[in-house]
Amino acid sequence: MTITPPSVLSWDGRSTPDLLALEQLDRDLFRNRLNQRNANGALFGGQVLAQALTAATHSVEDSAARPVHSLHGYFLRAGRCHLPVIYQVDRTRDGGRFSTRRVIALQDGQPIFHMECGFHAPEDGFDHAAPIHSGLPHPDSLQSLAELADTLPNLPDWVRDRWKSQETPVIAKPLDPPGLITPGAPRRRVWVKLPALAAAASASEQACMLAYLSDYWLAGTAANPHTLPMASPDLFMASIDHAMWFHRPVDVTDWLLFDCDSPSAQAGRGLSRALIHDIHGRLVASTAQESLMRARRL
């Protein structure tokens, strides 16, 4: 007997909260409604990461009082855009101040991603944070990728088309635009925000949207010293694993600085990490990712 999977729609790129919305099938079982395609034609990893965190958050009895503090995920298989994703949550532990969840993302009965994540009820303690670099240009003085598509010289046509597309609501303003298309130091700094459509989101939804944003800028940082630092007709890139630590409340509708670097690339893999500061200079999160970087076989 052939079972026809339920339909899933392609995301129109307008509202990230709509992308992250899930249908609850059972107590700890969820299904997505929308899919986002990446440059390789597979599911965008940031979508799966953020939807998995959304599912885990739904299983925490009072997520407002016990927000997420960290996540650690592994991408196991390329997700397929024509199939929905099932998110199965395991309530590993609920303690006095900590909760732990495990999430498995499934397509056609096979795991494509799994993640451990932790939630913590805030308490009094020590407080320090790495400062934002002084003297950085304000994002209002910089051009967005869509604007750079018309002004940056020697831009390949396929890059120009990608930057001008409306397939995502992310607004990005790089501090070093030529560094996005020419090899250089393993460093990348980008101001990023989502539009006002997310302004009414709760603190837990803001954290999930930050997880979504965190998958955009890391992998290319590791490729930066060697080749065109983005997935291209000549370079296949894919996330292998992804970790994130949430330090302070965040507003993704305002500017966030992703300050990325890559300490190592080897054996077809590259490690990238980022400190994420808000427009006021507060360190709101840290993230790290190892990615696969492989010349395409033509």
Protein backbone atom coordinates (compact mmCIF):
# COMPACT_ATOMS: atom_id res chain seq x y z
CA MET A 1 0.00 0.00 0.00
CA THR A 2 1.35 3.42 -0.98
CA ILE A 3 0.94 6.21 1.56
CA THR A 4 0.79 9.71 0.14
CA PRO A 5 2.51 12.22 2.45
CA PRO A 6 0.64 15.41 3.32
CA SER A 7 1.45 18.41 1.19
CA VAL A 8 3.86 21.11 2.29
CA LEU A 9 4.08 24.56 0.75
CA SER A 10 7.14 26.50 -0.37
CA TRP A 11 7.73 29.50 1.86
CA ASP A 12 7.19 32.84 0.13
CA GLY A 13 9.99 34.51 2.12
CA ARG A 14 7.76 37.10 3.77
CA SER A 15 7.20 36.09 7.41
CA THR A 16 9.69 34.10 9.47
CA PRO A 17 7.08 33.43 12.20
CA ASP A 18 4.93 31.74 9.52
CA LEU A 19 7.90 29.60 8.48
CA LEU A 20 8.46 28.45 12.07
CA ALA A 21 4.80 27.72 12.85
CA LEU A 22 4.15 24.02 13.49
CA GLU A 23 1.09 21.79 13.56
CA GLN A 24 0.81 19.72 16.75
CA LEU A 25 -0.02 16.09 15.92
CA ASP A 26 0.29 14.65 19.41
CA ARG A 27 1.66 15.63 22.81
CA ASP A 28 5.29 15.88 21.66
CA LEU A 29 4.91 15.36 17.92
CA PHE A 30 4.84 18.25 15.44
CA ARG A 31 4.79 18.81 11.67
CA ASN A 32 5.86 21.84 9.68
CA ARG A 33 3.71 23.62 7.10
CA LEU A 34 6.33 25.49 5.04
CA ASN A 35 9.73 24.67 3.56
CA GLN A 36 12.59 26.92 2.46
CA ARG A 37 14.99 25.78 -0.27
CA ASN A 38 18.73 26.49 0.04
CA ALA A 39 21.33 27.12 -2.68
CA ASN A 40 21.81 23.36 -3.12
CA GLY A 41 18.11 22.70 -3.70
CA ALA A 42 17.69 21.04 -0.28
CA LEU A 43 16.02 22.32 2.88
CA PHE A 44 17.73 25.33 4.42
CA GLY A 45 19.44 24.17 7.61
CA GLY A 46 18.42 27.28 9.54
CA GLN A 47 14.78 26.36 8.92
CA VAL A 48 15.20 22.85 10.36
CA LEU A 49 17.25 24.16 13.30
CA ALA A 50 14.69 26.81 14.20
CA GLN A 51 11.66 24.57 13.69
CA ALA A 52 13.26 21.91 15.91
CA LEU A 53 13.84 24.51 18.62
CA THR A 54 10.23 25.67 18.21
CA ALA A 55 9.02 22.09 18.77
CA ALA A 56 11.21 21.72 21.86
CA THR A 57 9.98 25.04 23.24
CA HIS A 58 6.36 23.91 22.88
CA SER A 59 7.14 20.99 25.21
CA VAL A 60 8.40 23.23 28.04
CA GLU A 61 5.52 23.99 30.38
CA ASP A 62 6.45 27.66 30.96
CA SER A 63 8.93 28.64 28.28
CA ALA A 64 8.58 32.31 29.22
CA ALA A 65 9.98 31.58 32.68
CA ARG A 66 12.44 28.95 31.43
CA PRO A 67 13.96 30.19 28.14
CA VAL A 68 16.41 28.23 25.97
CA HIS A 69 20.07 28.59 26.98
CA SER A 70 21.81 26.31 24.45
CA LEU A 71 21.36 23.90 21.57
CA HIS A 72 23.61 21.37 19.84
CA GLY A 73 22.44 19.83 16.56
CA TYR A 74 23.69 17.49 13.85
CA PHE A 75 22.55 17.56 10.22
CA LEU A 76 22.35 13.90 9.16
CA ARG A 77 20.78 13.96 5.70
CA ALA A 78 19.81 16.60 3.18
CA GLY A 79 16.17 17.55 3.71
CA ARG A 80 13.79 17.27 0.76
CA CYS A 81 11.70 20.30 -0.06
CA HIS A 82 8.64 18.41 -1.31
CA LEU A 83 8.13 16.56 1.99
CA PRO A 84 6.98 17.87 5.38
CA VAL A 85 9.25 17.45 8.39
CA ILE A 86 8.06 15.62 11.51
CA TYR A 87 9.61 16.80 14.80
CA GLN A 88 9.60 14.26 17.61
CA VAL A 89 10.44 15.66 21.06
CA ASP A 90 11.78 13.63 23.97
CA ARG A 91 11.31 15.28 27.39
CA THR A 92 14.66 14.09 28.71
CA ARG A 93 14.55 15.93 32.04
CA ASP A 94 12.72 18.63 33.95
CA GLY A 95 14.62 19.74 37.05
CA GLY A 96 14.30 22.54 39.54
CA ARG A 97 15.68 25.18 37.16
CA PHE A 98 16.78 23.24 34.06
CA SER A 99 14.92 21.32 31.37
CA THR A 100 16.54 19.20 28.65
CA ARG A 101 14.97 18.14 25.38
CA ARG A 102 16.02 15.95 22.48
CA VAL A 103 14.44 16.54 19.07
CA ILE A 104 14.60 14.25 16.04
CA ALA A 105 13.53 15.67 12.66
CA LEU A 106 12.17 12.99 10.31
CA GLN A 107 11.29 12.76 6.64
CA ASP A 108 9.89 9.58 5.11
CA GLY A 109 10.66 7.76 8.40
CA GLN A 110 14.36 8.67 8.37
CA PRO A 111 16.11 11.14 10.68
CA ILE A 112 17.54 14.14 8.84
CA PHE A 113 18.56 16.10 11.96
CA HIS A 114 18.77 15.65 15.70
CA MET A 115 19.36 18.13 18.47
CA GLU A 116 19.82 18.41 22.21
CA CYS A 117 18.73 21.68 23.78
CA GLY A 118 18.53 23.07 27.28
CA PHE A 119 16.23 25.53 29.03
CA HIS A 120 17.09 27.42 32.22
CA ALA A 121 15.08 29.56 34.62
CA PRO A 122 17.30 32.66 35.08
CA GLU A 123 18.90 33.22 38.46
CA ASP A 124 21.27 35.70 40.09
CA GLY A 125 24.96 35.19 39.26
CA PHE A 126 28.16 36.65 37.85
CA ASP A 127 27.87 38.78 34.73
CA HIS A 128 30.44 39.74 32.08
CA ALA A 129 30.49 39.77 28.29
CA ALA A 130 32.89 40.29 25.40
CA PRO A 131 32.43 43.90 24.23
CA ILE A 132 31.46 44.89 20.73
CA HIS A 133 34.36 46.40 18.76
CA SER A 134 34.44 50.18 18.95
CA GLY A 135 34.34 52.40 15.89
CA LEU A 136 32.15 50.12 13.77
CA PRO A 137 29.99 51.88 11.17
CA HIS A 138 26.31 52.10 12.04
CA PRO A 139 24.18 49.89 9.79
CA ASP A 140 22.23 52.91 8.57
CA SER A 141 25.42 54.07 6.82
CA LEU A 142 25.90 50.77 4.97
CA GLN A 143 24.29 49.21 1.90
CA SER A 144 22.16 46.07 2.00
CA LEU A 145 22.91 43.05 -0.19
CA ALA A 146 20.06 44.06 -2.49
CA GLU A 147 21.60 47.54 -2.89
CA LEU A 148 25.12 46.12 -3.33
CA ALA A 149 23.83 43.92 -6.13
CA ASP A 150 23.52 47.08 -8.24
CA THR A 151 26.72 48.82 -7.12
CA LEU A 152 29.40 46.23 -6.29
CA PRO A 153 31.74 45.74 -9.30
CA ASN A 154 32.68 42.35 -10.74
CA LEU A 155 29.69 40.63 -9.16
CA PRO A 156 28.81 37.32 -10.86
CA ASP A 157 25.32 37.35 -12.34
CA TRP A 158 24.14 34.44 -10.20
CA VAL A 159 25.29 36.26 -7.03
CA ARG A 160 23.50 39.42 -8.14
CA ASP A 161 20.30 37.46 -8.74
CA ARG A 162 20.56 35.76 -5.34
CA TRP A 163 21.11 39.02 -3.47
CA LYS A 164 18.20 40.73 -5.24
CA SER A 165 15.75 37.88 -4.73
CA GLN A 166 12.87 38.28 -2.28
CA GLU A 167 12.97 34.69 -1.02
CA THR A 168 13.83 35.67 2.56
CA PRO A 169 12.97 38.64 4.80
CA VAL A 170 16.53 38.86 6.12
CA ILE A 171 18.11 42.30 5.67
CA ALA A 172 21.92 42.08 5.73
CA LYS A 173 24.53 44.84 5.56
CA PRO A 174 28.14 43.60 5.43
CA LEU A 175 30.93 45.76 6.84
CA ASP A 176 33.30 44.55 4.08
CA PRO A 177 31.21 43.93 0.94
CA PRO A 178 34.13 42.92 -1.35
CA GLY A 179 35.06 40.25 1.21
CA LEU A 180 31.82 38.43 0.42
CA ILE A 181 32.96 37.67 -3.13
CA THR A 182 36.78 37.66 -2.98
CA PRO A 183 39.13 35.42 -0.97
CA GLY A 184 40.65 37.03 2.10
CA ALA A 185 41.02 36.62 5.84
CA PRO A 186 38.72 34.13 7.61
CA ARG A 187 36.60 36.93 9.06
CA ARG A 188 33.12 38.19 8.28
CA ARG A 189 31.10 40.92 10.00
CA VAL A 190 27.50 41.56 9.00
CA TRP A 191 24.67 43.63 10.47
CA VAL A 192 21.44 41.63 10.19
CA LYS A 193 17.78 42.01 11.11
CA LEU A 194 14.33 40.67 10.33
CA PRO A 195 11.48 43.00 9.42
CA ALA A 196 8.75 44.36 11.69
CA LEU A 197 6.51 41.37 10.93
CA ALA A 198 8.26 39.66 13.86
CA ALA A 199 7.93 42.59 16.27
CA ALA A 200 5.08 41.07 18.27
CA ALA A 201 6.89 37.76 18.81
CA SER A 202 7.42 36.44 22.34
CA ALA A 203 10.90 36.07 23.83
CA SER A 204 10.92 32.34 23.02
CA GLU A 205 9.86 33.02 19.41
CA GLN A 206 12.61 35.66 19.14
CA ALA A 207 15.15 33.01 20.24
CA CYS A 208 13.88 30.60 17.58
CA MET A 209 14.19 33.29 14.91
CA LEU A 210 17.72 34.06 16.06
CA ALA A 211 18.53 30.37 15.61
CA TYR A 212 17.15 30.67 12.08
CA LEU A 213 19.39 33.68 11.38
CA SER A 214 22.48 31.98 12.79
CA ASP A 215 22.84 29.58 9.85
CA TYR A 216 23.34 32.29 7.21
CA TRP A 217 26.87 33.63 7.76
CA LEU A 218 29.06 30.94 9.31
CA ALA A 219 30.06 28.43 6.61
CA GLY A 220 31.30 31.03 4.13
CA THR A 221 33.70 32.41 6.74
CA ALA A 222 35.67 29.16 6.68
CA ALA A 223 35.83 29.22 2.88
CA ASN A 224 36.90 32.87 2.73
CA PRO A 225 40.71 32.36 2.53
CA HIS A 226 40.41 29.81 -0.26
CA THR A 227 37.65 30.50 -2.77
CA LEU A 228 34.44 32.40 -3.42
CA PRO A 229 33.03 32.24 0.13
CA MET A 230 29.52 30.97 -0.59
CA ALA A 231 27.81 27.98 -2.13
CA SER A 232 28.36 28.36 -5.87
CA PRO A 233 28.46 26.42 -9.14
CA ASP A 234 32.02 25.44 -8.17
CA LEU A 235 31.69 24.89 -4.39
CA PHE A 236 29.32 22.63 -2.47
CA MET A 237 28.77 23.72 1.13
CA ALA A 238 26.57 22.11 3.77
CA SER A 239 26.22 22.35 7.54
CA ILE A 240 27.44 19.33 9.49
CA ASP A 241 26.69 20.42 13.05
CA HIS A 242 25.61 23.60 14.79
CA ALA A 243 25.82 24.84 18.38
CA MET A 244 24.39 27.96 19.95
CA TRP A 245 24.34 29.62 23.37
CA PHE A 246 21.72 32.23 24.23
CA HIS A 247 23.06 34.79 26.70
CA ARG A 248 20.56 37.65 26.86
CA PRO A 249 17.11 38.56 25.46
CA VAL A 250 17.15 39.55 21.82
CA ASP A 251 15.06 41.58 19.39
CA VAL A 252 15.58 40.26 15.86
CA THR A 253 13.66 43.20 14.37
CA ASP A 254 16.56 45.50 15.34
CA TRP A 255 20.12 45.30 14.03
CA LEU A 256 22.35 42.45 15.21
CA LEU A 257 26.07 42.22 14.46
CA PHE A 258 27.30 38.76 13.47
CA ASP A 259 31.06 38.91 14.10
CA CYS A 260 32.31 35.66 12.53
CA ASP A 261 35.72 34.05 12.28
CA SER A 262 37.13 30.66 11.34
CA PRO A 263 40.06 29.20 13.33
CA SER A 264 40.52 26.14 11.09
CA ALA A 265 39.67 24.42 7.82
CA GLN A 266 40.95 20.92 7.06
CA ALA A 267 40.01 17.58 5.47
CA GLY A 268 37.04 19.06 3.61
CA ARG A 269 35.57 20.64 6.74
CA GLY A 270 35.63 24.18 8.09
CA LEU A 271 34.93 25.44 11.60
CA SER A 272 33.31 28.85 12.02
CA ARG A 273 32.09 30.70 15.08
CA ALA A 274 30.38 34.01 15.81
CA LEU A 275 29.64 36.45 18.58
CA ILE A 276 26.26 38.14 18.13
CA HIS A 277 25.83 41.65 19.55
CA ASP A 278 22.75 43.84 19.42
CA ILE A 279 22.71 47.47 18.28
CA HIS A 280 23.35 48.58 21.88
CA GLY A 281 26.54 46.51 22.09
CA ARG A 282 25.17 43.74 24.32
CA LEU A 283 26.39 40.21 23.62
CA VAL A 284 23.12 38.31 23.07
CA ALA A 285 24.39 34.95 21.77
CA SER A 286 27.36 32.89 20.58
CA THR A 287 27.33 30.22 17.91
CA ALA A 288 29.66 27.74 16.18
CA GLN A 289 29.32 25.47 13.18
CA GLU A 290 31.34 22.91 11.27
CA SER A 291 30.54 22.75 7.57
CA LEU A 292 31.41 20.57 4.61
CA MET A 293 33.30 22.37 1.83
CA ARG A 294 33.79 20.37 -1.33
CA ALA A 295 34.59 21.27 -4.94
CA ARG A 296 31.66 20.29 -7.12
CA ARG A 297 32.23 17.39 -9.47
CA LEU A 298 31.39 18.78 -12.91
